[in-house]
Amino acid sequence: MFGLFSKSKSVQVNGLYELVGQVNLIDVREIQEFKMGTIRTAKNIPMGMLLASPEKYLDKNQTYYLMCQSGGRSGRCTRTLAKQGYDVINVEGGYGSYTGTKRKK
C-alpha cells in the first residue's frame, strides 16, 4: 500500500543542461513527436515499447534519465521501471519546458 506513494527520483529539465552528452537520456515520446525536436543525444524509445520490454533496452547496472513532452509519461515510466529494479530518473517539465541550447531538430 505504501508503495503507491513512493517518490521516484527526478531532475528539472533545465537542470539537465550540464549533463547532456554525459548521461543516458531516453525520450519516451512517440516517434512523430521525437522527430519534431528533442534534446541532443536523446535516444527515442516510445513509452509503450519501453514498458513492454525494458530488458531489451535497459541495463540494470546503468542510470537512465527519462523525458517526454511535459514529464507525465516519463514520470509513469520512471515509477514503473524503478519498481522493476531499474535506476531511472524522471526529467520533470520535459522537452516542452526546455530552454537550453542543446536542441536537436
C-alpha atoms as a PDB file:
ATOM      1  CA  MET A   1       0.000   0.000   0.000  1.00  0.00           C
ATOM      2  CA  PHE A   2       2.741   2.472   0.879  1.00  0.00           C
ATOM      3  CA  GLY A   3       4.492   1.766  -2.447  1.00  0.00           C
ATOM      4  CA  LEU A   4       1.742   3.752  -4.177  1.00  0.00           C
ATOM      5  CA  PHE A   5       3.094   6.917  -2.635  1.00  0.00           C
ATOM      6  CA  SER A   6       6.803   6.278  -3.092  1.00  0.00           C
ATOM      7  CA  LYS A   7       8.644   9.212  -4.604  1.00  0.00           C
ATOM      8  CA  SER A   8      10.757   8.494  -7.649  1.00  0.00           C
ATOM      9  CA  LYS A   9      13.998  10.304  -8.444  1.00  0.00           C
ATOM     10  CA  SER A  10      13.727  13.371 -10.636  1.00  0.00           C
ATOM     11  CA  VAL A  11      15.585  16.358 -12.047  1.00  0.00           C
ATOM     12  CA  GLN A  12      14.206  19.549 -13.596  1.00  0.00           C
ATOM     13  CA  VAL A  13      14.709  19.591 -17.365  1.00  0.00           C
ATOM     14  CA  ASN A  14      16.770  22.783 -17.297  1.00  0.00           C
ATOM     15  CA  GLY A  15      18.941  21.313 -14.536  1.00  0.00           C
ATOM     16  CA  LEU A  16      19.951  18.658 -17.045  1.00  0.00           C
ATOM     17  CA  TYR A  17      21.845  21.127 -19.239  1.00  0.00           C
ATOM     18  CA  GLU A  18      25.351  20.297 -17.987  1.00  0.00           C
ATOM     19  CA  LEU A  19      24.633  16.553 -18.145  1.00  0.00           C
ATOM     20  CA  VAL A  20      23.604  16.413 -21.827  1.00  0.00           C
ATOM     21  CA  GLY A  21      26.028  14.110 -23.601  1.00  0.00           C
ATOM     22  CA  GLN A  22      27.220  12.589 -20.319  1.00  0.00           C
ATOM     23  CA  VAL A  23      24.129  10.598 -19.297  1.00  0.00           C
ATOM     24  CA  ASN A  24      21.803   8.041 -20.865  1.00  0.00           C
ATOM     25  CA  LEU A  25      18.879  10.233 -21.924  1.00  0.00           C
ATOM     26  CA  ILE A  26      15.776   8.476 -23.245  1.00  0.00           C
ATOM     27  CA  ASP A  27      12.884  10.341 -24.863  1.00  0.00           C
ATOM     28  CA  VAL A  28       9.755   8.218 -24.320  1.00  0.00           C
ATOM     29  CA  ARG A  29       7.543  10.249 -26.664  1.00  0.00           C
ATOM     30  CA  GLU A  30       6.145   8.738 -29.848  1.00  0.00           C
ATOM     31  CA  ILE A  31       8.367   8.711 -32.936  1.00  0.00           C
ATOM     32  CA  GLN A  32       6.432  11.576 -34.582  1.00  0.00           C
ATOM     33  CA  GLU A  33       6.916  13.788 -31.520  1.00  0.00           C
ATOM     34  CA  PHE A  34      10.605  12.916 -31.296  1.00  0.00           C
ATOM     35  CA  LYS A  35      11.144  13.854 -34.956  1.00  0.00           C
ATOM     36  CA  MET A  36       9.780  17.347 -34.263  1.00  0.00           C
ATOM     37  CA  GLY A  37      12.632  18.013 -31.849  1.00  0.00           C
ATOM     38  CA  THR A  38      14.385  16.694 -28.768  1.00  0.00           C
ATOM     39  CA  ILE A  39      17.471  17.292 -26.631  1.00  0.00           C
ATOM     40  CA  ARG A  40      20.753  16.362 -28.285  1.00  0.00           C
ATOM     41  CA  THR A  41      21.969  12.821 -27.531  1.00  0.00           C
ATOM     42  CA  ALA A  42      18.475  11.650 -26.504  1.00  0.00           C
ATOM     43  CA  LYS A  43      17.546   8.205 -27.752  1.00  0.00           C
ATOM     44  CA  ASN A  44      13.914   7.620 -28.705  1.00  0.00           C
ATOM     45  CA  ILE A  45      12.217   4.596 -27.143  1.00  0.00           C
ATOM     46  CA  PRO A  46       8.430   5.181 -27.093  1.00  0.00           C
ATOM     47  CA  MET A  47       6.806   4.544 -23.724  1.00  0.00           C
ATOM     48  CA  GLY A  48       4.783   1.525 -24.871  1.00  0.00           C
ATOM     49  CA  MET A  49       7.825  -0.233 -26.262  1.00  0.00           C
ATOM     50  CA  LEU A  50       9.961   0.570 -23.208  1.00  0.00           C
ATOM     51  CA  LEU A  51       7.391  -0.648 -20.689  1.00  0.00           C
ATOM     52  CA  ALA A  52       6.589  -3.775 -22.708  1.00  0.00           C
ATOM     53  CA  SER A  53      10.229  -4.946 -22.892  1.00  0.00           C
ATOM     54  CA  PRO A  54      12.523  -2.918 -20.634  1.00  0.00           C
ATOM     55  CA  GLU A  55      15.136  -5.676 -20.578  1.00  0.00           C
ATOM     56  CA  LYS A  56      15.549  -5.193 -24.338  1.00  0.00           C
ATOM     57  CA  TYR A  57      16.571  -1.533 -23.925  1.00  0.00           C
ATOM     58  CA  LEU A  58      17.899  -1.044 -20.394  1.00  0.00           C
ATOM     59  CA  ASP A  59      20.699  -2.445 -18.252  1.00  0.00           C
ATOM     60  CA  LYS A  60      20.028  -2.563 -14.508  1.00  0.00           C
ATOM     61  CA  ASN A  61      23.649  -1.520 -13.909  1.00  0.00           C
ATOM     62  CA  GLN A  62      23.180   1.822 -15.706  1.00  0.00           C
ATOM     63  CA  THR A  63      21.339   5.016 -14.820  1.00  0.00           C
ATOM     64  CA  TYR A  64      18.802   6.441 -17.285  1.00  0.00           C
ATOM     65  CA  TYR A  65      17.144   9.849 -17.487  1.00  0.00           C
ATOM     66  CA  LEU A  66      13.635   9.592 -18.961  1.00  0.00           C
ATOM     67  CA  MET A  67      11.873  12.533 -20.593  1.00  0.00           C
ATOM     68  CA  CYS A  68       8.718  13.228 -22.560  1.00  0.00           C
ATOM     69  CA  GLN A  69       6.892  16.428 -23.530  1.00  0.00           C
ATOM     70  CA  SER A  70       5.861  17.545 -20.045  1.00  0.00           C
ATOM     71  CA  GLY A  71       7.095  14.940 -17.548  1.00  0.00           C
ATOM     72  CA  GLY A  72       3.877  12.948 -17.181  1.00  0.00           C
ATOM     73  CA  ARG A  73       4.662   9.944 -19.348  1.00  0.00           C
ATOM     74  CA  SER A  74       8.282   9.856 -18.241  1.00  0.00           C
ATOM     75  CA  GLY A  75       7.110  10.014 -14.616  1.00  0.00           C
ATOM     76  CA  ARG A  76       4.870   6.992 -15.158  1.00  0.00           C
ATOM     77  CA  CYS A  77       7.738   5.117 -16.838  1.00  0.00           C
ATOM     78  CA  THR A  78      10.112   6.055 -14.032  1.00  0.00           C
ATOM     79  CA  ARG A  79       7.788   4.758 -11.324  1.00  0.00           C
ATOM     80  CA  THR A  80       7.072   1.516 -13.196  1.00  0.00           C
ATOM     81  CA  LEU A  81      10.697   0.789 -14.099  1.00  0.00           C
ATOM     82  CA  ALA A  82      12.030   1.691 -10.641  1.00  0.00           C
ATOM     83  CA  LYS A  83       9.706  -0.950  -9.153  1.00  0.00           C
ATOM     84  CA  GLN A  84      11.339  -3.449 -11.535  1.00  0.00           C
ATOM     85  CA  GLY A  85      14.823  -2.589 -10.269  1.00  0.00           C
ATOM     86  CA  TYR A  86      15.992  -0.090 -12.906  1.00  0.00           C
ATOM     87  CA  ASP A  87      17.882   3.067 -11.932  1.00  0.00           C
ATOM     88  CA  VAL A  88      15.760   5.716 -13.641  1.00  0.00           C
ATOM     89  CA  ILE A  89      15.348   9.451 -13.135  1.00  0.00           C
ATOM     90  CA  ASN A  90      12.352  11.452 -14.366  1.00  0.00           C
ATOM     91  CA  VAL A  91      13.147  14.660 -16.263  1.00  0.00           C
ATOM     92  CA  GLU A  92      10.419  16.957 -14.883  1.00  0.00           C
ATOM     93  CA  GLY A  93       8.995  19.572 -17.211  1.00  0.00           C
ATOM     94  CA  GLY A  94      10.030  17.604 -20.281  1.00  0.00           C
ATOM     95  CA  TYR A  95      11.021  18.879 -23.674  1.00  0.00           C
ATOM     96  CA  GLY A  96       8.173  21.410 -23.649  1.00  0.00           C
ATOM     97  CA  SER A  97       9.835  23.308 -20.796  1.00  0.00           C
ATOM     98  CA  TYR A  98      13.412  23.021 -22.042  1.00  0.00           C
ATOM     99  CA  THR A  99      15.043  26.430 -22.575  1.00  0.00           C
ATOM    100  CA  GLY A 100      18.607  25.287 -23.231  1.00  0.00           C
ATOM    101  CA  THR A 101      20.525  25.428 -26.488  1.00  0.00           C
ATOM    102  CA  LYS A 102      21.218  21.706 -26.793  1.00  0.00           C
ATOM    103  CA  ARG A 103      18.216  21.033 -29.007  1.00  0.00           C
ATOM    104  CA  LYS A 104      18.149  18.643 -31.932  1.00  0.00           C
ATOM    105  CA  LYS A 105      15.656  19.005 -34.754  1.00  0.00           C
END
